Structure formats: C-alpha cells, structure tokens
Amino acid sequence: MTTLNAKKRETKTSGDINRLRLDKFIPGILYGGSEENKKIILSKNSIKNLINSENFFSAILNLKIDDKE
C-alpha cells in the first residue's frame, strides 16, 4: 500500500494558498465520514511521482496527516 504524507494547513486567504503553490505544494480539503473537513497540503513532487507510477489508477492510498494515519 502506498503512503501519501500530508500536513494540516492553516491558510485563510487565496494569497496564502497561492504562496503554497509557488512553494510546490498542492492545497486540498479532505472530506468524509462524520469527522470535520480537514485542510491539507501535499508535496507536488510526491503527487507527481505517484501519478507516474504504473498502478496509480488501481492503488489504495494510505494518507498520513502530520504523521498520524
């Protein structure tokens, strides 16, 4: 199983999000279940490597946010 590392983000403005993009991060929001939505950032390089892998479209991903699964 492939593990994808993410970090919580505390951005509020679109300018903050644009700065993250310039620093090669991808902003996102994690939805699901009964938990609150979580704002996260992912490394652009890790996503790029994952997409280029052979089994990307059939892979199950494990998401770690701030070293917690």
C-alpha atoms as a PDB file:
ATOM      1  CA  MET A   1       0.000   0.000   0.000  1.00  0.00           C
ATOM      2  CA  THR A   2       1.326   3.432  -0.926  1.00  0.00           C
ATOM      3  CA  THR A   3       1.554   6.060   1.806  1.00  0.00           C
ATOM      4  CA  LEU A   4       0.986   9.699   0.973  1.00  0.00           C
ATOM      5  CA  ASN A   5       2.203  12.283   3.504  1.00  0.00           C
ATOM      6  CA  ALA A   6       0.224  15.454   4.080  1.00  0.00           C
ATOM      7  CA  LYS A   7       0.306  18.335   6.531  1.00  0.00           C
ATOM      8  CA  LYS A   8      -2.508  20.370   8.025  1.00  0.00           C
ATOM      9  CA  ARG A   9      -2.743  23.859   6.636  1.00  0.00           C
ATOM     10  CA  GLU A  10      -3.876  26.984   8.410  1.00  0.00           C
ATOM     11  CA  THR A  11      -4.371  29.240   5.407  1.00  0.00           C
ATOM     12  CA  LYS A  12      -7.277  31.634   5.200  1.00  0.00           C
ATOM     13  CA  THR A  13      -6.797  33.748   2.091  1.00  0.00           C
ATOM     14  CA  SER A  14      -6.317  32.915  -1.557  1.00  0.00           C
ATOM     15  CA  GLY A  15      -2.960  34.727  -1.362  1.00  0.00           C
ATOM     16  CA  ASP A  16      -1.787  32.221   1.255  1.00  0.00           C
ATOM     17  CA  ILE A  17      -2.880  29.342  -0.968  1.00  0.00           C
ATOM     18  CA  ASN A  18      -1.122  30.843  -3.993  1.00  0.00           C
ATOM     19  CA  ARG A  19       2.102  31.106  -1.940  1.00  0.00           C
ATOM     20  CA  LEU A  20       1.814  27.406  -1.129  1.00  0.00           C
ATOM     21  CA  ARG A  21       1.506  26.632  -4.834  1.00  0.00           C
ATOM     22  CA  LEU A  22       4.615  28.708  -5.579  1.00  0.00           C
ATOM     23  CA  ASP A  23       6.447  26.675  -2.913  1.00  0.00           C
ATOM     24  CA  LYS A  24       5.475  23.474  -4.800  1.00  0.00           C
ATOM     25  CA  PHE A  25       2.640  22.331  -2.559  1.00  0.00           C
ATOM     26  CA  ILE A  26      -0.870  21.297  -3.548  1.00  0.00           C
ATOM     27  CA  PRO A  27      -3.666  22.528  -1.275  1.00  0.00           C
ATOM     28  CA  GLY A  28      -6.650  20.281  -0.668  1.00  0.00           C
ATOM     29  CA  ILE A  29      -9.586  19.520   1.591  1.00  0.00           C
ATOM     30  CA  LEU A  30     -10.266  16.060   2.971  1.00  0.00           C
ATOM     31  CA  TYR A  31     -13.979  15.237   3.217  1.00  0.00           C
ATOM     32  CA  GLY A  32     -15.680  12.159   4.552  1.00  0.00           C
ATOM     33  CA  GLY A  33     -17.386  10.317   7.326  1.00  0.00           C
ATOM     34  CA  SER A  34     -18.550  12.000  10.479  1.00  0.00           C
ATOM     35  CA  GLU A  35     -15.308  13.914  11.018  1.00  0.00           C
ATOM     36  CA  GLU A  36     -14.836  17.596  10.271  1.00  0.00           C
ATOM     37  CA  ASN A  37     -13.344  18.611   6.929  1.00  0.00           C
ATOM     38  CA  LYS A  38      -9.553  18.925   7.083  1.00  0.00           C
ATOM     39  CA  LYS A  39      -7.495  21.434   5.136  1.00  0.00           C
ATOM     40  CA  ILE A  40      -4.272  19.789   3.985  1.00  0.00           C
ATOM     41  CA  ILE A  41      -1.253  20.357   1.761  1.00  0.00           C
ATOM     42  CA  LEU A  42       0.580  17.732  -0.264  1.00  0.00           C
ATOM     43  CA  SER A  43       4.009  17.868  -1.846  1.00  0.00           C
ATOM     44  CA  LYS A  44       3.789  18.417  -5.591  1.00  0.00           C
ATOM     45  CA  ASN A  45       6.730  16.061  -6.168  1.00  0.00           C
ATOM     46  CA  SER A  46       5.146  13.199  -4.222  1.00  0.00           C
ATOM     47  CA  ILE A  47       1.889  13.545  -6.179  1.00  0.00           C
ATOM     48  CA  LYS A  48       3.799  13.730  -9.462  1.00  0.00           C
ATOM     49  CA  ASN A  49       5.748  10.553  -8.651  1.00  0.00           C
ATOM     50  CA  LEU A  50       2.564   8.783  -7.601  1.00  0.00           C
ATOM     51  CA  ILE A  51       0.698   9.693 -10.794  1.00  0.00           C
ATOM     52  CA  ASN A  52       3.613   8.450 -12.901  1.00  0.00           C
ATOM     53  CA  SER A  53       3.627   5.034 -11.202  1.00  0.00           C
ATOM     54  CA  GLU A  54       2.168   2.112 -13.135  1.00  0.00           C
ATOM     55  CA  ASN A  55      -0.558   1.211 -10.679  1.00  0.00           C
ATOM     56  CA  PHE A  56      -1.810   4.707  -9.788  1.00  0.00           C
ATOM     57  CA  PHE A  57      -5.364   4.233 -11.049  1.00  0.00           C
ATOM     58  CA  SER A  58      -5.860   0.972  -9.150  1.00  0.00           C
ATOM     59  CA  ALA A  59      -3.861   1.739  -5.997  1.00  0.00           C
ATOM     60  CA  ILE A  60      -5.247   2.072  -2.491  1.00  0.00           C
ATOM     61  CA  LEU A  61      -3.589   5.002  -0.758  1.00  0.00           C
ATOM     62  CA  ASN A  62      -2.814   5.416   2.916  1.00  0.00           C
ATOM     63  CA  LEU A  63      -2.905   9.097   3.942  1.00  0.00           C
ATOM     64  CA  LYS A  64      -0.761  10.305   6.838  1.00  0.00           C
ATOM     65  CA  ILE A  65      -1.551  13.788   8.145  1.00  0.00           C
ATOM     66  CA  ASP A  66       1.153  15.197  10.432  1.00  0.00           C
ATOM     67  CA  ASP A  67       2.482  11.652  10.999  1.00  0.00           C
ATOM     68  CA  LYS A  68      -0.955  10.317  12.033  1.00  0.00           C
ATOM     69  CA  GLU A  69      -2.820   7.773   9.898  1.00  0.00           C
END
